[in-house]
Amino acid sequence: AGNNDTRASARALAELARWPAAVAALVPVPYFTRPAQAGVRAHFAHLASASPLPLIVYHIPYRTGQPLDAAGLRELARIPGVVGVKLATGGVDQDAVDLLGESPPDFAVLAGDDLFLSPLLALGAAGGILASAHLATDRFVALADAWRGGDVVRARELGHALAGLSAAAFGEPNPTVIKGVLHAQGRIPTPDVRLPLLPAGRGSIDATLKRLADLGG
């Protein structure tokens, strides 16, 4: 919920009170306007003070144009009502390592780039918010359990296999391939997406289905 307009974001969050099943709101870092880190903090402090739900910061700088360093993310973590971050920086960079090396208590660092779930779990991430997990949910849960349980051999094996699945699922703009696969499996009624996205090609869908078959799922 929310966008780069603080007042409009607050209104969108207020509407979530109508949905009793919701337990948190995923809120993007303000995009396009690209405020300073102090402005980002003020944005989230204002939203958290009035939101009916705890907030998870959606940090995805390759879409927002707004980078935040580990120190800036820790500042957001100190805001009452901000309970986690979906970390989608396009890799495992120094700030991710820094943040996970000294993560604030009761603040969940969640992988947001499907391809990098396994290395972030190895560094101590709490979990992930992942589109490709719709295709093999049990295997992603098993991967998280393997890292938590210290089964490094199993975690590496699963991590590499699931990274291959995620790479195939993102072979065309997300979520086109995932919707195509779910439709091919009979799990959703149509693979359609809204413009400017177009449905994924058959080749991308088949490549992802093959990765799934290789997983045994």
N, C-alpha and C. Protein backbone atom coordinates (compact mmCIF):
# COMPACT_ATOMS: atom_id res chain seq x y z
N ALA A 1 0.84 -1.19 0.00
CA ALA A 1 0.00 0.00 0.00
C ALA A 1 0.88 1.24 0.00
N GLY A 2 0.45 2.27 -0.70
CA GLY A 2 1.17 3.52 -0.65
C GLY A 2 1.97 3.81 -1.90
N ASN A 3 2.45 5.06 -2.00
CA ASN A 3 3.22 5.51 -3.15
C ASN A 3 4.20 6.57 -2.68
N ASN A 4 4.51 7.54 -3.54
CA ASN A 4 5.48 8.57 -3.15
C ASN A 4 4.82 9.81 -2.55
N ASP A 5 3.52 9.76 -2.33
CA ASP A 5 2.76 10.86 -1.75
C ASP A 5 2.36 10.43 -0.33
N THR A 6 2.90 11.09 0.68
CA THR A 6 2.69 10.66 2.06
C THR A 6 1.21 10.70 2.44
N ARG A 7 0.51 11.79 2.09
CA ARG A 7 -0.89 11.89 2.49
C ARG A 7 -1.74 10.82 1.81
N ALA A 8 -1.49 10.59 0.52
CA ALA A 8 -2.25 9.55 -0.19
C ALA A 8 -1.91 8.16 0.36
N SER A 9 -0.66 7.95 0.74
CA SER A 9 -0.26 6.67 1.32
C SER A 9 -0.97 6.44 2.65
N ALA A 10 -1.09 7.49 3.45
CA ALA A 10 -1.79 7.37 4.73
C ALA A 10 -3.25 6.99 4.50
N ARG A 11 -3.88 7.57 3.48
CA ARG A 11 -5.27 7.22 3.19
C ARG A 11 -5.38 5.76 2.75
N ALA A 12 -4.43 5.30 1.92
CA ALA A 12 -4.46 3.91 1.46
C ALA A 12 -4.28 2.94 2.63
N LEU A 13 -3.40 3.28 3.55
CA LEU A 13 -3.19 2.43 4.72
C LEU A 13 -4.43 2.40 5.61
N ALA A 14 -5.08 3.54 5.76
CA ALA A 14 -6.28 3.59 6.60
C ALA A 14 -7.36 2.65 6.08
N GLU A 15 -7.43 2.51 4.77
CA GLU A 15 -8.44 1.64 4.17
C GLU A 15 -8.20 0.17 4.50
N LEU A 16 -6.98 -0.19 4.89
CA LEU A 16 -6.69 -1.59 5.20
C LEU A 16 -7.37 -2.05 6.48
N ALA A 17 -7.88 -1.12 7.26
CA ALA A 17 -8.62 -1.51 8.47
C ALA A 17 -9.85 -2.35 8.12
N ARG A 18 -10.29 -2.24 6.85
CA ARG A 18 -11.46 -3.02 6.43
C ARG A 18 -11.13 -4.50 6.22
N TRP A 19 -9.83 -4.85 6.25
CA TRP A 19 -9.41 -6.21 5.94
C TRP A 19 -8.81 -6.85 7.20
N PRO A 20 -9.65 -7.49 8.02
CA PRO A 20 -9.16 -8.01 9.30
C PRO A 20 -8.10 -9.11 9.16
N ALA A 21 -8.01 -9.75 8.00
CA ALA A 21 -7.00 -10.80 7.82
C ALA A 21 -5.61 -10.24 7.60
N ALA A 22 -5.51 -8.96 7.25
CA ALA A 22 -4.19 -8.36 7.00
C ALA A 22 -3.46 -8.16 8.31
N VAL A 23 -2.17 -8.52 8.32
CA VAL A 23 -1.38 -8.40 9.54
C VAL A 23 -0.25 -7.38 9.41
N ALA A 24 0.05 -6.96 8.20
CA ALA A 24 1.08 -5.94 7.97
C ALA A 24 0.87 -5.36 6.58
N ALA A 25 1.48 -4.21 6.34
CA ALA A 25 1.38 -3.56 5.03
C ALA A 25 2.78 -3.38 4.45
N LEU A 26 2.95 -3.74 3.19
CA LEU A 26 4.21 -3.55 2.48
C LEU A 26 4.16 -2.19 1.80
N VAL A 27 5.07 -1.30 2.20
CA VAL A 27 5.01 0.10 1.77
C VAL A 27 6.32 0.47 1.08
N PRO A 28 6.28 0.89 -0.19
CA PRO A 28 7.53 1.20 -0.89
C PRO A 28 8.19 2.48 -0.39
N VAL A 29 9.51 2.49 -0.48
CA VAL A 29 10.26 3.74 -0.29
C VAL A 29 9.77 4.73 -1.35
N PRO A 30 9.56 6.01 -1.00
CA PRO A 30 9.04 6.97 -1.98
C PRO A 30 9.89 7.02 -3.25
N TYR A 31 9.23 6.87 -4.38
CA TYR A 31 9.89 6.84 -5.67
C TYR A 31 9.70 8.15 -6.41
N PHE A 32 10.46 8.37 -7.45
CA PHE A 32 10.39 9.52 -8.36
C PHE A 32 10.83 10.82 -7.69
N THR A 33 10.22 11.19 -6.56
CA THR A 33 10.63 12.42 -5.88
C THR A 33 12.00 12.27 -5.23
N ARG A 34 12.36 11.03 -4.85
CA ARG A 34 13.68 10.72 -4.30
C ARG A 34 14.08 11.68 -3.16
N PRO A 35 13.36 11.65 -2.05
CA PRO A 35 13.73 12.51 -0.93
C PRO A 35 15.05 12.05 -0.31
N ALA A 36 15.66 12.92 0.47
CA ALA A 36 16.84 12.52 1.24
C ALA A 36 16.44 11.45 2.25
N GLN A 37 17.45 10.78 2.84
CA GLN A 37 17.13 9.72 3.80
C GLN A 37 16.32 10.25 4.97
N ALA A 38 16.56 11.52 5.35
CA ALA A 38 15.76 12.10 6.43
C ALA A 38 14.30 12.22 6.00
N GLY A 39 14.07 12.54 4.73
CA GLY A 39 12.70 12.62 4.23
C GLY A 39 12.03 11.26 4.18
N VAL A 40 12.80 10.23 3.81
CA VAL A 40 12.26 8.86 3.82
C VAL A 40 11.85 8.47 5.23
N ARG A 41 12.70 8.83 6.20
CA ARG A 41 12.37 8.50 7.59
C ARG A 41 11.12 9.24 8.04
N ALA A 42 11.01 10.51 7.69
CA ALA A 42 9.83 11.28 8.07
C ALA A 42 8.57 10.71 7.43
N HIS A 43 8.68 10.25 6.19
CA HIS A 43 7.56 9.62 5.48
C HIS A 43 7.05 8.41 6.25
N PHE A 44 7.98 7.51 6.62
CA PHE A 44 7.57 6.29 7.31
C PHE A 44 7.13 6.57 8.75
N ALA A 45 7.73 7.54 9.40
CA ALA A 45 7.30 7.89 10.75
C ALA A 45 5.87 8.40 10.74
N HIS A 46 5.54 9.23 9.76
CA HIS A 46 4.18 9.75 9.65
C HIS A 46 3.20 8.61 9.38
N LEU A 47 3.55 7.71 8.45
CA LEU A 47 2.64 6.62 8.11
C LEU A 47 2.47 5.67 9.28
N ALA A 48 3.56 5.32 9.95
CA ALA A 48 3.47 4.37 11.05
C ALA A 48 2.65 4.90 12.21
N SER A 49 2.67 6.22 12.40
CA SER A 49 1.95 6.80 13.54
C SER A 49 0.44 6.68 13.39
N ALA A 50 -0.04 6.52 12.15
CA ALA A 50 -1.48 6.49 11.93
C ALA A 50 -1.97 5.17 11.32
N SER A 51 -1.07 4.30 10.89
CA SER A 51 -1.47 3.08 10.20
C SER A 51 -2.15 2.10 11.15
N PRO A 52 -3.22 1.43 10.67
CA PRO A 52 -3.85 0.40 11.50
C PRO A 52 -3.04 -0.90 11.55
N LEU A 53 -1.99 -0.98 10.72
CA LEU A 53 -1.17 -2.19 10.64
C LEU A 53 0.31 -1.84 10.77
N PRO A 54 1.12 -2.77 11.26
CA PRO A 54 2.57 -2.57 11.20
C PRO A 54 3.02 -2.46 9.75
N LEU A 55 4.16 -1.80 9.55
CA LEU A 55 4.67 -1.56 8.20
C LEU A 55 5.92 -2.38 7.93
N ILE A 56 6.01 -2.88 6.70
CA ILE A 56 7.24 -3.47 6.17
C ILE A 56 7.72 -2.55 5.06
N VAL A 57 8.92 -2.03 5.19
CA VAL A 57 9.49 -1.14 4.18
C VAL A 57 9.86 -1.95 2.95
N TYR A 58 9.40 -1.51 1.79
CA TYR A 58 9.78 -2.17 0.53
C TYR A 58 10.91 -1.36 -0.08
N HIS A 59 12.14 -1.89 0.10
CA HIS A 59 13.33 -1.19 -0.40
C HIS A 59 13.77 -1.84 -1.70
N ILE A 60 13.47 -1.17 -2.82
CA ILE A 60 13.78 -1.72 -4.13
C ILE A 60 14.31 -0.58 -5.01
N PRO A 61 15.58 -0.19 -4.78
CA PRO A 61 16.11 1.03 -5.40
C PRO A 61 16.16 1.01 -6.91
N TYR A 62 16.23 -0.16 -7.55
CA TYR A 62 16.23 -0.17 -9.01
C TYR A 62 14.85 0.15 -9.59
N ARG A 63 13.83 0.20 -8.75
CA ARG A 63 12.51 0.68 -9.19
C ARG A 63 12.19 2.07 -8.63
N THR A 64 12.68 2.38 -7.44
CA THR A 64 12.34 3.67 -6.83
C THR A 64 13.34 4.77 -7.16
N GLY A 65 14.57 4.40 -7.53
CA GLY A 65 15.61 5.40 -7.74
C GLY A 65 16.11 6.02 -6.45
N GLN A 66 15.80 5.36 -5.31
CA GLN A 66 16.14 5.92 -4.01
C GLN A 66 16.95 4.91 -3.20
N PRO A 67 18.29 4.96 -3.25
CA PRO A 67 19.08 4.04 -2.45
C PRO A 67 19.08 4.43 -0.98
N LEU A 68 19.14 3.41 -0.12
CA LEU A 68 19.28 3.62 1.31
C LEU A 68 20.42 2.74 1.80
N ASP A 69 21.29 3.28 2.64
CA ASP A 69 22.37 2.46 3.18
C ASP A 69 21.90 1.75 4.44
N ALA A 70 22.79 0.90 5.00
CA ALA A 70 22.42 0.12 6.19
C ALA A 70 22.04 1.01 7.35
N ALA A 71 22.76 2.12 7.51
CA ALA A 71 22.46 3.05 8.61
C ALA A 71 21.06 3.63 8.44
N GLY A 72 20.70 3.98 7.21
CA GLY A 72 19.37 4.52 6.95
C GLY A 72 18.28 3.51 7.22
N LEU A 73 18.52 2.25 6.88
CA LEU A 73 17.53 1.21 7.15
C LEU A 73 17.39 0.96 8.65
N ARG A 74 18.50 1.06 9.38
CA ARG A 74 18.42 0.91 10.84
C ARG A 74 17.61 2.05 11.46
N GLU A 75 17.72 3.25 10.90
CA GLU A 75 16.90 4.36 11.39
C GLU A 75 15.42 4.06 11.20
N LEU A 76 15.08 3.52 10.05
CA LEU A 76 13.68 3.16 9.81
C LEU A 76 13.24 2.07 10.80
N ALA A 77 14.14 1.14 11.11
CA ALA A 77 13.80 0.05 12.03
C ALA A 77 13.48 0.56 13.42
N ARG A 78 14.00 1.72 13.77
CA ARG A 78 13.75 2.26 15.11
C ARG A 78 12.41 2.98 15.22
N ILE A 79 11.71 3.16 14.13
CA ILE A 79 10.40 3.82 14.16
C ILE A 79 9.37 2.83 14.72
N PRO A 80 8.66 3.18 15.78
CA PRO A 80 7.61 2.29 16.29
C PRO A 80 6.59 1.98 15.20
N GLY A 81 6.31 0.72 15.02
CA GLY A 81 5.35 0.31 14.01
C GLY A 81 5.98 -0.16 12.72
N VAL A 82 7.29 0.06 12.54
CA VAL A 82 8.00 -0.47 11.37
C VAL A 82 8.67 -1.77 11.81
N VAL A 83 8.24 -2.89 11.24
CA VAL A 83 8.63 -4.20 11.78
C VAL A 83 9.57 -4.98 10.86
N GLY A 84 9.82 -4.48 9.65
CA GLY A 84 10.70 -5.23 8.76
C GLY A 84 10.97 -4.50 7.47
N VAL A 85 11.81 -5.12 6.65
CA VAL A 85 12.14 -4.57 5.34
C VAL A 85 12.17 -5.71 4.34
N LYS A 86 11.55 -5.48 3.19
CA LYS A 86 11.71 -6.35 2.03
C LYS A 86 12.90 -5.79 1.25
N LEU A 87 14.01 -6.52 1.29
CA LEU A 87 15.28 -6.04 0.74
C LEU A 87 15.44 -6.56 -0.68
N ALA A 88 15.32 -5.66 -1.64
CA ALA A 88 15.40 -6.04 -3.05
C ALA A 88 16.34 -5.08 -3.77
N THR A 89 17.63 -5.26 -3.53
CA THR A 89 18.64 -4.34 -4.06
C THR A 89 19.33 -4.88 -5.31
N GLY A 90 18.87 -6.03 -5.81
CA GLY A 90 19.45 -6.58 -7.03
C GLY A 90 20.71 -7.38 -6.80
N GLY A 91 21.00 -7.74 -5.56
CA GLY A 91 22.19 -8.51 -5.26
C GLY A 91 22.41 -8.58 -3.76
N VAL A 92 23.57 -9.11 -3.38
CA VAL A 92 23.96 -9.13 -1.97
C VAL A 92 25.13 -8.16 -1.84
N ASP A 93 24.83 -6.93 -1.46
CA ASP A 93 25.84 -5.88 -1.46
C ASP A 93 26.35 -5.63 -0.03
N GLN A 94 27.25 -4.67 0.08
CA GLN A 94 27.86 -4.38 1.38
C GLN A 94 26.82 -3.96 2.41
N ASP A 95 25.83 -3.16 1.98
CA ASP A 95 24.82 -2.70 2.94
C ASP A 95 23.97 -3.86 3.45
N ALA A 96 23.68 -4.84 2.59
CA ALA A 96 22.93 -6.01 3.03
C ALA A 96 23.72 -6.79 4.07
N VAL A 97 25.01 -6.99 3.80
CA VAL A 97 25.86 -7.70 4.75
C VAL A 97 25.95 -6.94 6.07
N ASP A 98 26.10 -5.62 5.97
CA ASP A 98 26.19 -4.77 7.16
C ASP A 98 24.90 -4.83 7.97
N LEU A 99 23.76 -4.70 7.29
CA LEU A 99 22.47 -4.71 7.98
C LEU A 99 22.24 -6.05 8.68
N LEU A 100 22.51 -7.15 7.98
CA LEU A 100 22.27 -8.47 8.56
C LEU A 100 23.29 -8.81 9.64
N GLY A 101 24.47 -8.19 9.57
CA GLY A 101 25.46 -8.43 10.60
C GLY A 101 25.11 -7.78 11.92
N GLU A 102 24.26 -6.76 11.86
CA GLU A 102 23.85 -6.05 13.07
C GLU A 102 22.40 -5.61 12.90
N SER A 103 21.53 -6.59 12.77
CA SER A 103 20.12 -6.31 12.54
C SER A 103 19.44 -5.92 13.84
N PRO A 104 18.62 -4.87 13.82
CA PRO A 104 17.93 -4.46 15.05
C PRO A 104 17.03 -5.57 15.58
N PRO A 105 16.84 -5.66 16.89
CA PRO A 105 15.95 -6.68 17.45
C PRO A 105 14.51 -6.44 17.00
N ASP A 106 13.79 -7.54 16.82
CA ASP A 106 12.37 -7.49 16.43
C ASP A 106 12.16 -6.78 15.10
N PHE A 107 13.16 -6.84 14.22
CA PHE A 107 13.05 -6.24 12.89
C PHE A 107 13.43 -7.32 11.88
N ALA A 108 12.49 -7.68 11.03
CA ALA A 108 12.69 -8.79 10.09
C ALA A 108 13.28 -8.28 8.78
N VAL A 109 14.45 -8.78 8.44
CA VAL A 109 15.03 -8.52 7.11
C VAL A 109 14.59 -9.67 6.21
N LEU A 110 13.83 -9.35 5.17
CA LEU A 110 13.23 -10.33 4.28
C LEU A 110 13.79 -10.17 2.88
N ALA A 111 14.23 -11.27 2.28
CA ALA A 111 14.73 -11.22 0.91
C ALA A 111 13.60 -10.82 -0.03
N GLY A 112 13.91 -9.91 -0.95
CA GLY A 112 12.92 -9.47 -1.91
C GLY A 112 13.26 -9.81 -3.34
N ASP A 113 14.52 -10.18 -3.60
CA ASP A 113 14.94 -10.66 -4.92
C ASP A 113 15.00 -12.18 -4.85
N ASP A 114 14.14 -12.86 -5.59
CA ASP A 114 14.01 -14.30 -5.48
C ASP A 114 15.35 -15.02 -5.66
N LEU A 115 16.14 -14.53 -6.59
CA LEU A 115 17.40 -15.19 -6.95
C LEU A 115 18.39 -15.22 -5.79
N PHE A 116 18.28 -14.26 -4.86
CA PHE A 116 19.26 -14.12 -3.79
C PHE A 116 18.73 -14.55 -2.43
N LEU A 117 17.63 -15.30 -2.42
CA LEU A 117 17.07 -15.75 -1.15
C LEU A 117 18.08 -16.57 -0.36
N SER A 118 18.69 -17.58 -0.98
CA SER A 118 19.55 -18.50 -0.24
C SER A 118 20.74 -17.79 0.40
N PRO A 119 21.50 -16.96 -0.34
CA PRO A 119 22.61 -16.29 0.34
C PRO A 119 22.18 -15.34 1.44
N LEU A 120 21.02 -14.71 1.29
CA LEU A 120 20.56 -13.83 2.36
C LEU A 120 20.12 -14.62 3.59
N LEU A 121 19.49 -15.78 3.37
CA LEU A 121 19.16 -16.64 4.51
C LEU A 121 20.43 -17.10 5.21
N ALA A 122 21.47 -17.40 4.42
CA ALA A 122 22.74 -17.82 5.02
C ALA A 122 23.33 -16.72 5.89
N LEU A 123 23.07 -15.46 5.52
CA LEU A 123 23.58 -14.33 6.29
C LEU A 123 22.69 -13.95 7.46
N GLY A 124 21.51 -14.60 7.57
CA GLY A 124 20.65 -14.35 8.72
C GLY A 124 19.31 -13.71 8.43
N ALA A 125 18.92 -13.59 7.16
CA ALA A 125 17.60 -13.04 6.85
C ALA A 125 16.51 -13.91 7.48
N ALA A 126 15.40 -13.27 7.83
CA ALA A 126 14.30 -13.98 8.50
C ALA A 126 13.46 -14.80 7.54
N GLY A 127 13.52 -14.49 6.25
CA GLY A 127 12.69 -15.17 5.26
C GLY A 127 12.69 -14.37 3.98
N GLY A 128 11.59 -14.46 3.23
CA GLY A 128 11.51 -13.73 1.98
C GLY A 128 10.07 -13.47 1.59
N ILE A 129 9.89 -12.46 0.74
CA ILE A 129 8.60 -12.19 0.09
C ILE A 129 8.88 -12.36 -1.39
N LEU A 130 8.43 -13.49 -1.96
CA LEU A 130 8.96 -13.94 -3.24
C LEU A 130 7.85 -14.35 -4.20
N ALA A 131 7.88 -13.82 -5.40
CA ALA A 131 6.87 -14.18 -6.40
C ALA A 131 7.00 -15.64 -6.81
N SER A 132 8.23 -16.12 -7.04
CA SER A 132 8.39 -17.49 -7.54
C SER A 132 8.07 -18.54 -6.49
N ALA A 133 7.93 -18.14 -5.22
CA ALA A 133 7.53 -19.09 -4.19
C ALA A 133 6.11 -19.60 -4.42
N HIS A 134 5.31 -18.91 -5.24
CA HIS A 134 3.99 -19.42 -5.59
C HIS A 134 4.09 -20.74 -6.36
N LEU A 135 5.23 -20.98 -7.00
CA LEU A 135 5.36 -22.15 -7.86
C LEU A 135 5.84 -23.39 -7.12
N ALA A 136 6.56 -23.21 -6.02
CA ALA A 136 7.12 -24.35 -5.28
C ALA A 136 7.23 -23.97 -3.82
N THR A 137 6.11 -23.64 -3.21
CA THR A 137 6.12 -23.07 -1.87
C THR A 137 6.81 -23.99 -0.87
N ASP A 138 6.52 -25.28 -0.95
CA ASP A 138 7.10 -26.21 0.02
C ASP A 138 8.62 -26.26 -0.07
N ARG A 139 9.17 -26.10 -1.28
CA ARG A 139 10.62 -26.15 -1.44
C ARG A 139 11.28 -24.88 -0.86
N PHE A 140 10.63 -23.75 -1.02
CA PHE A 140 11.17 -22.53 -0.43
C PHE A 140 11.12 -22.60 1.10
N VAL A 141 10.05 -23.18 1.65
CA VAL A 141 9.98 -23.37 3.09
C VAL A 141 11.09 -24.32 3.55
N ALA A 142 11.32 -25.39 2.78
CA ALA A 142 12.38 -26.34 3.12
C ALA A 142 13.75 -25.68 3.09
N LEU A 143 13.95 -24.76 2.14
CA LEU A 143 15.22 -24.04 2.07
C LEU A 143 15.44 -23.20 3.32
N ALA A 144 14.42 -22.45 3.73
CA ALA A 144 14.54 -21.63 4.95
C ALA A 144 14.79 -22.52 6.17
N ASP A 145 14.09 -23.66 6.24
CA ASP A 145 14.27 -24.57 7.37
C ASP A 145 15.68 -25.15 7.39
N ALA A 146 16.22 -25.45 6.20
CA ALA A 146 17.56 -26.03 6.13
C ALA A 146 18.61 -25.06 6.64
N TRP A 147 18.50 -23.77 6.25
CA TRP A 147 19.47 -22.79 6.75
C TRP A 147 19.32 -22.59 8.25
N ARG A 148 18.08 -22.52 8.73
CA ARG A 148 17.87 -22.33 10.17
C ARG A 148 18.37 -23.53 10.97
N GLY A 149 18.22 -24.72 10.39
CA GLY A 149 18.63 -25.92 11.10
C GLY A 149 20.09 -26.27 10.93
N GLY A 150 20.83 -25.48 10.15
CA GLY A 150 22.25 -25.73 9.98
C GLY A 150 22.59 -26.85 9.01
N ASP A 151 21.61 -27.27 8.19
CA ASP A 151 21.86 -28.31 7.19
C ASP A 151 22.40 -27.64 5.92
N VAL A 152 23.68 -27.33 5.95
CA VAL A 152 24.29 -26.52 4.89
C VAL A 152 24.26 -27.24 3.55
N VAL A 153 24.53 -28.54 3.55
CA VAL A 153 24.55 -29.30 2.30
C VAL A 153 23.18 -29.24 1.62
N ARG A 154 22.13 -29.51 2.38
CA ARG A 154 20.77 -29.47 1.84
C ARG A 154 20.41 -28.04 1.41
N ALA A 155 20.78 -27.05 2.21
CA ALA A 155 20.46 -25.67 1.89
C ALA A 155 21.12 -25.24 0.58
N ARG A 156 22.38 -25.62 0.39
CA ARG A 156 23.06 -25.24 -0.85
C ARG A 156 22.41 -25.91 -2.06
N GLU A 157 22.09 -27.18 -1.92
CA GLU A 157 21.47 -27.92 -3.02
C GLU A 157 20.14 -27.28 -3.41
N LEU A 158 19.29 -27.06 -2.42
CA LEU A 158 17.99 -26.44 -2.68
C LEU A 158 18.15 -25.01 -3.19
N GLY A 159 19.09 -24.28 -2.58
CA GLY A 159 19.28 -22.89 -2.97
C GLY A 159 19.65 -22.74 -4.43
N HIS A 160 20.56 -23.58 -4.91
CA HIS A 160 20.95 -23.52 -6.32
C HIS A 160 19.79 -23.90 -7.23
N ALA A 161 19.04 -24.95 -6.85
CA ALA A 161 17.93 -25.39 -7.68
C ALA A 161 16.83 -24.32 -7.75
N LEU A 162 16.53 -23.71 -6.61
CA LEU A 162 15.47 -22.70 -6.59
C LEU A 162 15.91 -21.41 -7.25
N ALA A 163 17.21 -21.10 -7.20
CA ALA A 163 17.70 -19.93 -7.94
C ALA A 163 17.49 -20.13 -9.44
N GLY A 164 17.72 -21.36 -9.91
CA GLY A 164 17.46 -21.65 -11.32
C GLY A 164 15.99 -21.49 -11.68
N LEU A 165 15.11 -21.95 -10.79
CA LEU A 165 13.68 -21.78 -11.01
C LEU A 165 13.32 -20.29 -11.06
N SER A 166 13.84 -19.53 -10.11
CA SER A 166 13.53 -18.10 -10.06
C SER A 166 14.04 -17.38 -11.30
N ALA A 167 15.25 -17.73 -11.75
CA ALA A 167 15.79 -17.10 -12.95
C ALA A 167 14.88 -17.36 -14.15
N ALA A 168 14.38 -18.59 -14.27
CA ALA A 168 13.47 -18.91 -15.38
C ALA A 168 12.16 -18.15 -15.24
N ALA A 169 11.65 -18.06 -13.99
CA ALA A 169 10.37 -17.38 -13.76
C ALA A 169 10.44 -15.89 -14.03
N PHE A 170 11.65 -15.33 -13.99
CA PHE A 170 11.84 -13.92 -14.30
C PHE A 170 12.46 -13.72 -15.67
N GLY A 171 12.31 -14.72 -16.55
CA GLY A 171 12.83 -14.61 -17.90
C GLY A 171 12.13 -13.54 -18.72
N GLU A 172 10.93 -13.19 -18.34
CA GLU A 172 10.18 -12.06 -18.91
C GLU A 172 9.66 -11.25 -17.73
N PRO A 173 9.19 -10.02 -17.98
CA PRO A 173 8.79 -9.16 -16.85
C PRO A 173 7.80 -9.85 -15.91
N ASN A 174 8.11 -9.78 -14.64
CA ASN A 174 7.26 -10.36 -13.60
C ASN A 174 5.94 -9.59 -13.50
N PRO A 175 4.79 -10.25 -13.34
CA PRO A 175 4.60 -11.68 -13.05
C PRO A 175 4.12 -12.48 -14.25
N THR A 176 4.53 -12.10 -15.46
CA THR A 176 3.93 -12.72 -16.65
C THR A 176 4.22 -14.21 -16.73
N VAL A 177 5.47 -14.61 -16.47
CA VAL A 177 5.81 -16.04 -16.58
C VAL A 177 5.12 -16.83 -15.48
N ILE A 178 5.11 -16.29 -14.27
CA ILE A 178 4.48 -17.00 -13.15
C ILE A 178 3.00 -17.20 -13.41
N LYS A 179 2.33 -16.19 -13.93
CA LYS A 179 0.91 -16.35 -14.25
C LYS A 179 0.72 -17.37 -15.37
N GLY A 180 1.63 -17.37 -16.34
CA GLY A 180 1.55 -18.35 -17.42
C GLY A 180 1.71 -19.77 -16.90
N VAL A 181 2.64 -19.98 -15.97
CA VAL A 181 2.85 -21.31 -15.40
C VAL A 181 1.64 -21.73 -14.57
N LEU A 182 1.15 -20.84 -13.72
CA LEU A 182 -0.02 -21.18 -12.90
C LEU A 182 -1.23 -21.52 -13.77
N HIS A 183 -1.36 -20.81 -14.89
CA HIS A 183 -2.45 -21.12 -15.81
C HIS A 183 -2.23 -22.46 -16.47
N ALA A 184 -1.01 -22.75 -16.89
CA ALA A 184 -0.71 -24.03 -17.51
C ALA A 184 -0.97 -25.19 -16.56
N GLN A 185 -0.81 -24.95 -15.26
CA GLN A 185 -1.08 -25.97 -14.25
C GLN A 185 -2.56 -26.06 -13.88
N GLY A 186 -3.38 -25.18 -14.43
CA GLY A 186 -4.80 -25.17 -14.11
C GLY A 186 -5.13 -24.55 -12.77
N ARG A 187 -4.19 -23.75 -12.23
CA ARG A 187 -4.39 -23.19 -10.90
C ARG A 187 -5.02 -21.80 -10.93
N ILE A 188 -4.95 -21.10 -12.05
CA ILE A 188 -5.65 -19.83 -12.22
C ILE A 188 -6.36 -19.86 -13.57
N PRO A 189 -7.45 -19.11 -13.75
CA PRO A 189 -8.27 -19.26 -14.94
C PRO A 189 -7.69 -18.63 -16.20
N THR A 190 -6.75 -17.71 -16.08
CA THR A 190 -6.23 -17.03 -17.27
C THR A 190 -4.81 -16.55 -16.99
N PRO A 191 -3.95 -16.50 -18.04
CA PRO A 191 -2.61 -15.95 -17.86
C PRO A 191 -2.55 -14.46 -18.15
N ASP A 192 -3.69 -13.81 -18.33
CA ASP A 192 -3.72 -12.42 -18.78
C ASP A 192 -3.08 -11.49 -17.76
N VAL A 193 -2.46 -10.43 -18.27
CA VAL A 193 -1.93 -9.35 -17.46
C VAL A 193 -2.40 -8.04 -18.07
N ARG A 194 -2.28 -6.97 -17.32
CA ARG A 194 -2.73 -5.67 -17.79
C ARG A 194 -1.60 -4.95 -18.52
N LEU A 195 -1.97 -4.20 -19.57
CA LEU A 195 -0.99 -3.37 -20.26
C LEU A 195 -0.39 -2.36 -19.27
N PRO A 196 0.91 -2.06 -19.42
CA PRO A 196 1.77 -2.32 -20.57
C PRO A 196 2.43 -3.69 -20.57
N LEU A 197 2.14 -4.58 -19.62
CA LEU A 197 2.68 -5.94 -19.69
C LEU A 197 1.92 -6.73 -20.75
N LEU A 198 2.61 -7.72 -21.30
CA LEU A 198 2.02 -8.65 -22.25
C LEU A 198 2.22 -10.06 -21.72
N PRO A 199 1.33 -11.00 -22.05
CA PRO A 199 1.50 -12.37 -21.57
C PRO A 199 2.85 -12.95 -21.98
N ALA A 200 3.39 -13.80 -21.15
CA ALA A 200 4.69 -14.42 -21.43
C ALA A 200 4.59 -15.36 -22.61
N GLY A 201 5.72 -15.52 -23.31
CA GLY A 201 5.79 -16.46 -24.42
C GLY A 201 5.83 -17.90 -23.95
N ARG A 202 5.46 -18.80 -24.82
CA ARG A 202 5.40 -20.22 -24.48
C ARG A 202 6.77 -20.76 -24.08
N GLY A 203 7.83 -20.26 -24.74
CA GLY A 203 9.16 -20.74 -24.42
C GLY A 203 9.55 -20.48 -22.98
N SER A 204 9.24 -19.28 -22.48
CA SER A 204 9.56 -18.94 -21.08
C SER A 204 8.75 -19.79 -20.11
N ILE A 205 7.50 -20.03 -20.45
CA ILE A 205 6.64 -20.84 -19.59
C ILE A 205 7.15 -22.27 -19.55
N ASP A 206 7.49 -22.83 -20.71
CA ASP A 206 7.98 -24.21 -20.76
C ASP A 206 9.30 -24.36 -20.02
N ALA A 207 10.18 -23.37 -20.15
CA ALA A 207 11.47 -23.44 -19.44
C ALA A 207 11.26 -23.48 -17.93
N THR A 208 10.28 -22.71 -17.44
CA THR A 208 10.00 -22.69 -16.01
C THR A 208 9.34 -23.99 -15.57
N LEU A 209 8.43 -24.51 -16.39
CA LEU A 209 7.82 -25.81 -16.08
C LEU A 209 8.86 -26.92 -16.01
N LYS A 210 9.87 -26.84 -16.87
CA LYS A 210 10.93 -27.84 -16.82
C LYS A 210 11.73 -27.74 -15.51
N ARG A 211 12.02 -26.51 -15.10
CA ARG A 211 12.71 -26.33 -13.82
C ARG A 211 11.89 -26.91 -12.68
N LEU A 212 10.57 -26.73 -12.74
CA LEU A 212 9.71 -27.29 -11.72
C LEU A 212 9.75 -28.82 -11.74
N ALA A 213 9.73 -29.37 -12.94
CA ALA A 213 9.80 -30.82 -13.06
C ALA A 213 11.10 -31.37 -12.51
N ASP A 214 12.19 -30.63 -12.74
CA ASP A 214 13.48 -31.05 -12.21
C ASP A 214 13.51 -31.05 -10.69
N LEU A 215 12.69 -30.17 -10.10
CA LEU A 215 12.56 -30.13 -8.63
C LEU A 215 11.72 -31.30 -8.10
N GLY A 216 10.97 -31.90 -9.02
CA GLY A 216 10.07 -32.97 -8.58
C GLY A 216 8.72 -32.47 -8.18
N GLY A 217 8.40 -31.20 -8.52
CA GLY A 217 7.14 -30.60 -8.11
C GLY A 217 6.35 -30.13 -9.30
